[in-house]
Amino acid sequence: MDDDSMLLRNIEGQDFDSLYDLVSSVYDDSRDAMFFKSKPGKDEIMSLLAIKLDAVSKKAAIDIVAIDKENGNALVGECEIVPRGGGEGAVGIILRRDYRNRSIGSLMLKESEYMAQIIGMSRFIAEVRATNASAIYFFLKNGFAAEKMEGKRIIFKFEPERKGNKAK
């Protein structure tokens, strides 16, 4: 991946159609990657986007999107970190299949963690279905440790060494 071809930025209101396409694509491609009970409709995605935009504008959450500048500014990934209290943030990340294994997910995650530390989050968790091997590998590769099993989910935890530890 050419560093100049990918743009990471905060989610914006104009991202609705692209976010809907991304969620639909990832849901169709790998239902294991998402915790929706059924494929979300446009109304559900619009409601989620409104909540995300409000939280980001209040600096209460982090939501970074990856934009491929060489592919018509296509939105190809999203990483959100939502506070859970006590300095802990819950990580959610999705990425189009054809953009995986190109370090884009890791870049989004590191940038999101860095920004989350600025607004007071110092520990991160991720819930992954035990059947989602690629997500398990992703979080382990990015420094998360499997903490425990809850039903069919693995809970991963990560605690950065210090503030400002943007990327290794």
C-alpha atoms as a PDB file:
ATOM      1  CA  MET A   1       0.000   0.000   0.000  1.00  0.00           C
ATOM      2  CA  ASP A   2       1.287   3.434  -0.938  1.00  0.00           C
ATOM      3  CA  ASP A   3       0.995   5.728   2.102  1.00  0.00           C
ATOM      4  CA  ASP A   4      -0.234   8.544  -0.141  1.00  0.00           C
ATOM      5  CA  SER A   5      -3.122   6.510  -1.533  1.00  0.00           C
ATOM      6  CA  MET A   6      -5.003   6.051   1.758  1.00  0.00           C
ATOM      7  CA  LEU A   7      -6.563   8.853   3.798  1.00  0.00           C
ATOM      8  CA  LEU A   8      -7.620   8.342   7.419  1.00  0.00           C
ATOM      9  CA  ARG A   9     -10.131  10.864   8.790  1.00  0.00           C
ATOM     10  CA  ASN A  10     -13.060  11.254  11.160  1.00  0.00           C
ATOM     11  CA  ILE A  11     -16.393   9.966   9.959  1.00  0.00           C
ATOM     12  CA  GLU A  12     -18.611  12.662   8.394  1.00  0.00           C
ATOM     13  CA  GLY A  13     -22.291  13.038   7.554  1.00  0.00           C
ATOM     14  CA  GLN A  14     -21.529  12.690   3.843  1.00  0.00           C
ATOM     15  CA  ASP A  15     -20.355   9.111   4.528  1.00  0.00           C
ATOM     16  CA  PHE A  16     -23.879   7.667   4.862  1.00  0.00           C
ATOM     17  CA  ASP A  17     -24.138   5.877   1.499  1.00  0.00           C
ATOM     18  CA  SER A  18     -20.526   4.714   1.639  1.00  0.00           C
ATOM     19  CA  LEU A  19     -20.923   3.457   5.217  1.00  0.00           C
ATOM     20  CA  TYR A  20     -24.089   1.595   4.270  1.00  0.00           C
ATOM     21  CA  ASP A  21     -22.273  -0.006   1.306  1.00  0.00           C
ATOM     22  CA  LEU A  22     -19.328  -0.952   3.544  1.00  0.00           C
ATOM     23  CA  VAL A  23     -21.510  -2.537   6.242  1.00  0.00           C
ATOM     24  CA  SER A  24     -23.582  -4.390   3.614  1.00  0.00           C
ATOM     25  CA  SER A  25     -20.461  -5.637   1.849  1.00  0.00           C
ATOM     26  CA  VAL A  26     -18.810  -6.888   5.028  1.00  0.00           C
ATOM     27  CA  TYR A  27     -22.074  -8.438   6.266  1.00  0.00           C
ATOM     28  CA  ASP A  28     -22.589 -10.267   2.963  1.00  0.00           C
ATOM     29  CA  ASP A  29     -18.957 -11.335   2.852  1.00  0.00           C
ATOM     30  CA  SER A  30     -18.483 -12.445   6.444  1.00  0.00           C
ATOM     31  CA  ARG A  31     -21.424 -12.536   8.839  1.00  0.00           C
ATOM     32  CA  ASP A  32     -18.966 -13.753  11.480  1.00  0.00           C
ATOM     33  CA  ALA A  33     -17.453 -10.279  11.497  1.00  0.00           C
ATOM     34  CA  MET A  34     -20.580  -8.500  12.708  1.00  0.00           C
ATOM     35  CA  PHE A  35     -22.964  -8.773  15.623  1.00  0.00           C
ATOM     36  CA  PHE A  36     -26.126  -7.675  13.794  1.00  0.00           C
ATOM     37  CA  LYS A  37     -28.958 -10.205  14.131  1.00  0.00           C
ATOM     38  CA  SER A  38     -29.828  -9.655  10.474  1.00  0.00           C
ATOM     39  CA  LYS A  39     -28.544  -7.511   7.639  1.00  0.00           C
ATOM     40  CA  PRO A  40     -29.049  -3.885   8.683  1.00  0.00           C
ATOM     41  CA  GLY A  41     -31.213  -1.666   6.520  1.00  0.00           C
ATOM     42  CA  LYS A  42     -30.550   1.908   5.469  1.00  0.00           C
ATOM     43  CA  ASP A  43     -32.678   3.285   8.338  1.00  0.00           C
ATOM     44  CA  GLU A  44     -30.640   1.373  10.925  1.00  0.00           C
ATOM     45  CA  ILE A  45     -27.351   2.562   9.380  1.00  0.00           C
ATOM     46  CA  MET A  46     -28.661   6.166   9.248  1.00  0.00           C
ATOM     47  CA  SER A  47     -29.527   5.969  12.967  1.00  0.00           C
ATOM     48  CA  LEU A  48     -26.094   4.529  13.789  1.00  0.00           C
ATOM     49  CA  LEU A  49     -24.357   7.234  11.749  1.00  0.00           C
ATOM     50  CA  ALA A  50     -26.293   9.984  13.577  1.00  0.00           C
ATOM     51  CA  ILE A  51     -25.228   8.518  16.938  1.00  0.00           C
ATOM     52  CA  LYS A  52     -21.616   8.188  15.756  1.00  0.00           C
ATOM     53  CA  LEU A  53     -21.484  11.761  14.445  1.00  0.00           C
ATOM     54  CA  ASP A  54     -22.931  13.135  17.679  1.00  0.00           C
ATOM     55  CA  ALA A  55     -20.448  11.195  19.833  1.00  0.00           C
ATOM     56  CA  VAL A  56     -17.465  12.188  17.658  1.00  0.00           C
ATOM     57  CA  SER A  57     -18.515  15.871  17.654  1.00  0.00           C
ATOM     58  CA  LYS A  58     -18.623  15.812  21.473  1.00  0.00           C
ATOM     59  CA  LYS A  59     -15.237  14.032  21.612  1.00  0.00           C
ATOM     60  CA  ALA A  60     -17.003  11.190  23.406  1.00  0.00           C
ATOM     61  CA  ALA A  61     -15.969   8.516  20.893  1.00  0.00           C
ATOM     62  CA  ILE A  62     -13.551   7.928  18.046  1.00  0.00           C
ATOM     63  CA  ASP A  63     -14.655   6.887  14.569  1.00  0.00           C
ATOM     64  CA  ILE A  64     -12.016   6.820  11.843  1.00  0.00           C
ATOM     65  CA  VAL A  65     -12.678   5.869   8.225  1.00  0.00           C
ATOM     66  CA  ALA A  66     -10.168   4.822   5.569  1.00  0.00           C
ATOM     67  CA  ILE A  67     -10.581   6.450   2.163  1.00  0.00           C
ATOM     68  CA  ASP A  68      -8.841   5.052  -0.936  1.00  0.00           C
ATOM     69  CA  LYS A  69      -7.837   8.160  -2.881  1.00  0.00           C
ATOM     70  CA  GLU A  70      -6.783   6.077  -5.888  1.00  0.00           C
ATOM     71  CA  ASN A  71     -10.202   4.428  -6.142  1.00  0.00           C
ATOM     72  CA  GLY A  72     -12.512   7.433  -6.426  1.00  0.00           C
ATOM     73  CA  ASN A  73     -12.233   8.285  -2.719  1.00  0.00           C
ATOM     74  CA  ALA A  74     -13.983   5.036  -1.804  1.00  0.00           C
ATOM     75  CA  LEU A  75     -14.662   4.474   1.896  1.00  0.00           C
ATOM     76  CA  VAL A  76     -13.061   1.066   2.487  1.00  0.00           C
ATOM     77  CA  GLY A  77     -12.866   0.723   6.265  1.00  0.00           C
ATOM     78  CA  GLU A  78     -14.042   2.027   9.608  1.00  0.00           C
ATOM     79  CA  CYS A  79     -12.634   1.794  13.121  1.00  0.00           C
ATOM     80  CA  GLU A  80     -14.607   3.015  16.105  1.00  0.00           C
ATOM     81  CA  ILE A  81     -13.727   3.164  19.770  1.00  0.00           C
ATOM     82  CA  VAL A  82     -16.631   3.745  22.126  1.00  0.00           C
ATOM     83  CA  PRO A  83     -16.041   4.493  25.816  1.00  0.00           C
ATOM     84  CA  ARG A  84     -17.222   1.892  28.321  1.00  0.00           C
ATOM     85  CA  GLY A  85     -16.274   3.794  31.469  1.00  0.00           C
ATOM     86  CA  GLY A  86     -13.224   3.764  33.698  1.00  0.00           C
ATOM     87  CA  GLY A  87     -10.916   4.718  30.820  1.00  0.00           C
ATOM     88  CA  GLU A  88     -11.832   1.648  28.768  1.00  0.00           C
ATOM     89  CA  GLY A  89     -12.873   1.770  25.117  1.00  0.00           C
ATOM     90  CA  ALA A  90     -14.577  -0.906  23.003  1.00  0.00           C
ATOM     91  CA  VAL A  91     -13.045  -1.325  19.549  1.00  0.00           C
ATOM     92  CA  GLY A  92     -15.018  -2.166  16.430  1.00  0.00           C
ATOM     93  CA  ILE A  93     -13.375  -2.395  13.027  1.00  0.00           C
ATOM     94  CA  ILE A  94     -14.552  -3.386   9.561  1.00  0.00           C
ATOM     95  CA  LEU A  95     -12.662  -3.425   6.292  1.00  0.00           C
ATOM     96  CA  ARG A  96     -13.613  -4.471   2.779  1.00  0.00           C
ATOM     97  CA  ARG A  97     -12.196  -7.908   1.984  1.00  0.00           C
ATOM     98  CA  ASP A  98     -10.108  -6.666  -0.961  1.00  0.00           C
ATOM     99  CA  TYR A  99      -8.350  -4.175   1.347  1.00  0.00           C
ATOM    100  CA  ARG A 100      -7.407  -6.664   4.061  1.00  0.00           C
ATOM    101  CA  ASN A 101      -3.824  -7.784   4.682  1.00  0.00           C
ATOM    102  CA  ARG A 102      -2.480  -4.439   3.431  1.00  0.00           C
ATOM    103  CA  SER A 103      -1.907  -2.825   6.877  1.00  0.00           C
ATOM    104  CA  ILE A 104      -4.930  -0.523   6.494  1.00  0.00           C
ATOM    105  CA  GLY A 105      -6.764  -2.056   9.449  1.00  0.00           C
ATOM    106  CA  SER A 106      -3.675  -1.755  11.625  1.00  0.00           C
ATOM    107  CA  LEU A 107      -3.218   1.891  10.601  1.00  0.00           C
ATOM    108  CA  MET A 108      -6.848   2.680  11.428  1.00  0.00           C
ATOM    109  CA  LEU A 109      -6.569   0.888  14.764  1.00  0.00           C
ATOM    110  CA  LYS A 110      -3.334   2.636  15.801  1.00  0.00           C
ATOM    111  CA  GLU A 111      -4.660   6.071  14.820  1.00  0.00           C
ATOM    112  CA  SER A 112      -7.945   5.403  16.673  1.00  0.00           C
ATOM    113  CA  GLU A 113      -6.110   4.206  19.794  1.00  0.00           C
ATOM    114  CA  TYR A 114      -3.903   7.299  19.729  1.00  0.00           C
ATOM    115  CA  MET A 115      -6.916   9.629  19.430  1.00  0.00           C
ATOM    116  CA  ALA A 116      -8.825   7.703  22.111  1.00  0.00           C
ATOM    117  CA  GLN A 117      -5.937   8.180  24.535  1.00  0.00           C
ATOM    118  CA  ILE A 118      -6.160  11.942  23.975  1.00  0.00           C
ATOM    119  CA  ILE A 119      -9.804  11.929  25.126  1.00  0.00           C
ATOM    120  CA  GLY A 120      -9.073   9.763  28.178  1.00  0.00           C
ATOM    121  CA  MET A 121      -9.269   6.111  27.165  1.00  0.00           C
ATOM    122  CA  SER A 122      -6.263   4.074  28.264  1.00  0.00           C
ATOM    123  CA  ARG A 123      -7.403   0.445  27.857  1.00  0.00           C
ATOM    124  CA  PHE A 124      -9.123  -1.191  24.908  1.00  0.00           C
ATOM    125  CA  ILE A 125     -11.231  -4.284  24.458  1.00  0.00           C
ATOM    126  CA  ALA A 126     -12.560  -6.064  21.400  1.00  0.00           C
ATOM    127  CA  GLU A 127     -15.188  -8.788  21.208  1.00  0.00           C
ATOM    128  CA  VAL A 128     -14.689 -11.295  18.416  1.00  0.00           C
ATOM    129  CA  ARG A 129     -16.677 -14.362  17.475  1.00  0.00           C
ATOM    130  CA  ALA A 130     -14.600 -17.460  18.209  1.00  0.00           C
ATOM    131  CA  THR A 131     -15.203 -18.585  14.602  1.00  0.00           C
ATOM    132  CA  ASN A 132     -13.741 -15.393  13.076  1.00  0.00           C
ATOM    133  CA  ALA A 133     -10.134 -16.530  12.562  1.00  0.00           C
ATOM    134  CA  SER A 134      -9.058 -13.440  10.596  1.00  0.00           C
ATOM    135  CA  ALA A 135     -10.254 -11.061  13.350  1.00  0.00           C
ATOM    136  CA  ILE A 136      -8.575 -13.176  16.021  1.00  0.00           C
ATOM    137  CA  TYR A 137      -5.301 -13.029  14.077  1.00  0.00           C
ATOM    138  CA  PHE A 138      -5.723  -9.277  13.487  1.00  0.00           C
ATOM    139  CA  PHE A 139      -6.128  -8.399  17.161  1.00  0.00           C
ATOM    140  CA  LEU A 140      -3.311 -10.715  18.286  1.00  0.00           C
ATOM    141  CA  LYS A 141      -1.017  -9.225  15.611  1.00  0.00           C
ATOM    142  CA  ASN A 142      -1.873  -5.731  16.890  1.00  0.00           C
ATOM    143  CA  GLY A 143      -0.900  -6.406  20.506  1.00  0.00           C
ATOM    144  CA  PHE A 144      -4.225  -7.476  21.996  1.00  0.00           C
ATOM    145  CA  ALA A 145      -4.306 -10.481  24.329  1.00  0.00           C
ATOM    146  CA  ALA A 146      -7.172 -12.960  24.543  1.00  0.00           C
ATOM    147  CA  GLU A 147      -8.585 -12.328  28.010  1.00  0.00           C
ATOM    148  CA  LYS A 148     -11.557 -14.703  28.264  1.00  0.00           C
ATOM    149  CA  MET A 149     -14.351 -16.510  26.469  1.00  0.00           C
ATOM    150  CA  GLU A 150     -17.951 -15.358  26.868  1.00  0.00           C
ATOM    151  CA  GLY A 151     -20.247 -17.769  25.120  1.00  0.00           C
ATOM    152  CA  LYS A 152     -19.117 -17.876  21.487  1.00  0.00           C
ATOM    153  CA  ARG A 153     -17.091 -14.661  21.798  1.00  0.00           C
ATOM    154  CA  ILE A 154     -13.477 -14.048  22.715  1.00  0.00           C
ATOM    155  CA  ILE A 155     -12.759 -10.862  24.656  1.00  0.00           C
ATOM    156  CA  PHE A 156      -9.422  -9.285  23.751  1.00  0.00           C
ATOM    157  CA  LYS A 157      -7.702  -6.568  25.803  1.00  0.00           C
ATOM    158  CA  PHE A 158      -4.942  -4.109  25.014  1.00  0.00           C
ATOM    159  CA  GLU A 159      -3.290  -1.533  27.234  1.00  0.00           C
ATOM    160  CA  PRO A 160      -0.786   0.796  25.540  1.00  0.00           C
ATOM    161  CA  GLU A 161       2.485   1.343  27.370  1.00  0.00           C
ATOM    162  CA  ARG A 162       2.073   5.123  27.514  1.00  0.00           C
ATOM    163  CA  LYS A 163       0.203   8.037  25.975  1.00  0.00           C
ATOM    164  CA  GLY A 164       1.608   9.044  22.646  1.00  0.00           C
ATOM    165  CA  ASN A 165       2.577   5.483  21.727  1.00  0.00           C
ATOM    166  CA  LYS A 166       0.976   6.024  18.315  1.00  0.00           C
ATOM    167  CA  ALA A 167       2.360   3.118  16.327  1.00  0.00           C
ATOM    168  CA  LYS A 168       5.109   0.560  16.604  1.00  0.00           C
END
